Amino acid sequence: MKLSIVAALLLTSSLTAAAAQPKSADEILDLVRQSYAGQNQKLQGELRDDATGRTEPLDLTMGGQNILFQFTNPPPETIRLDLTTTPATLYQLRKGSSRKVPASQLGSNVRGMDFNYEDLSLRFLYWPRPQLMGEGRVSGQKCWIVRVINPGREGPYYAVDIWVHQASGGAAKMAAYDRSSKIIKRYEVTKIQKVNGINALKELRVETLDPTSAKVIGRTYMKMNNPAKP
């Protein structure tokens, strides 16, 4: 299993435990970053708001060192994550015009769901001086826990904790905090499926929390369909 923020949760790494035994937080995050460059997958699914039941159809494409999130409901929108840059660069395509997503938009919700543009950007995987906080388990699987701190003031998150599976090198769970160290977002892969022999996302749960009470105030699911048989 692996868990992004959203993009980091999309497809599990093809790395094996024998192939990767990192010794530092930097090496662990490098495993997560490496897992995207070699992916070649296309999945269809939807975002669903848990409170209202509203859905947004989604085509997810990973290949050529790009991740594409394509939304077909009016107004159509494509969000492209370019993995060839350091850090990765997020672009938005609307009405035939492409632009880099500005820092002022990172905290804005995508399609009115609990995902925001920061969640799709993978910026946190490049934040300097990550810290290895120890080990934990997600769904019974051993994970490293890595904490990253935002070096600037752009975006809605001050810190992100990432649970990385020791067996696969993929992220399985994440928690994001504001500048008062209050949890405001939580992600977890709840279901996986096999796509071309690789564990891939089946269902991802994203929750927005009230920083004062830590109560869940919004919940969105990303659900991907079973891949079509050849």
Foldseek 3Di string as FASTA:
>chain_A
DFAFCHVLYFFFAPDFLVRDDDDFLLSLLVLSLVRQAPDFDKFWFWKAWPPPRDIWTWIWGGYPQKIWTWTDPPVTKIWIWRVPDVVIWIWIDGPNDIDTDDLVQQAPDDPPAPDGNVRVHCNQSRAPDKHFPAWDDDPRFIWTWIKHAHPDDGHAFGMKIWTAGSGTSGTAWMWTAGPVRFTFKIKGQDDWDADPNTTGGAKMKMFGADRVPRDTPTIMMTGTDDDDDD
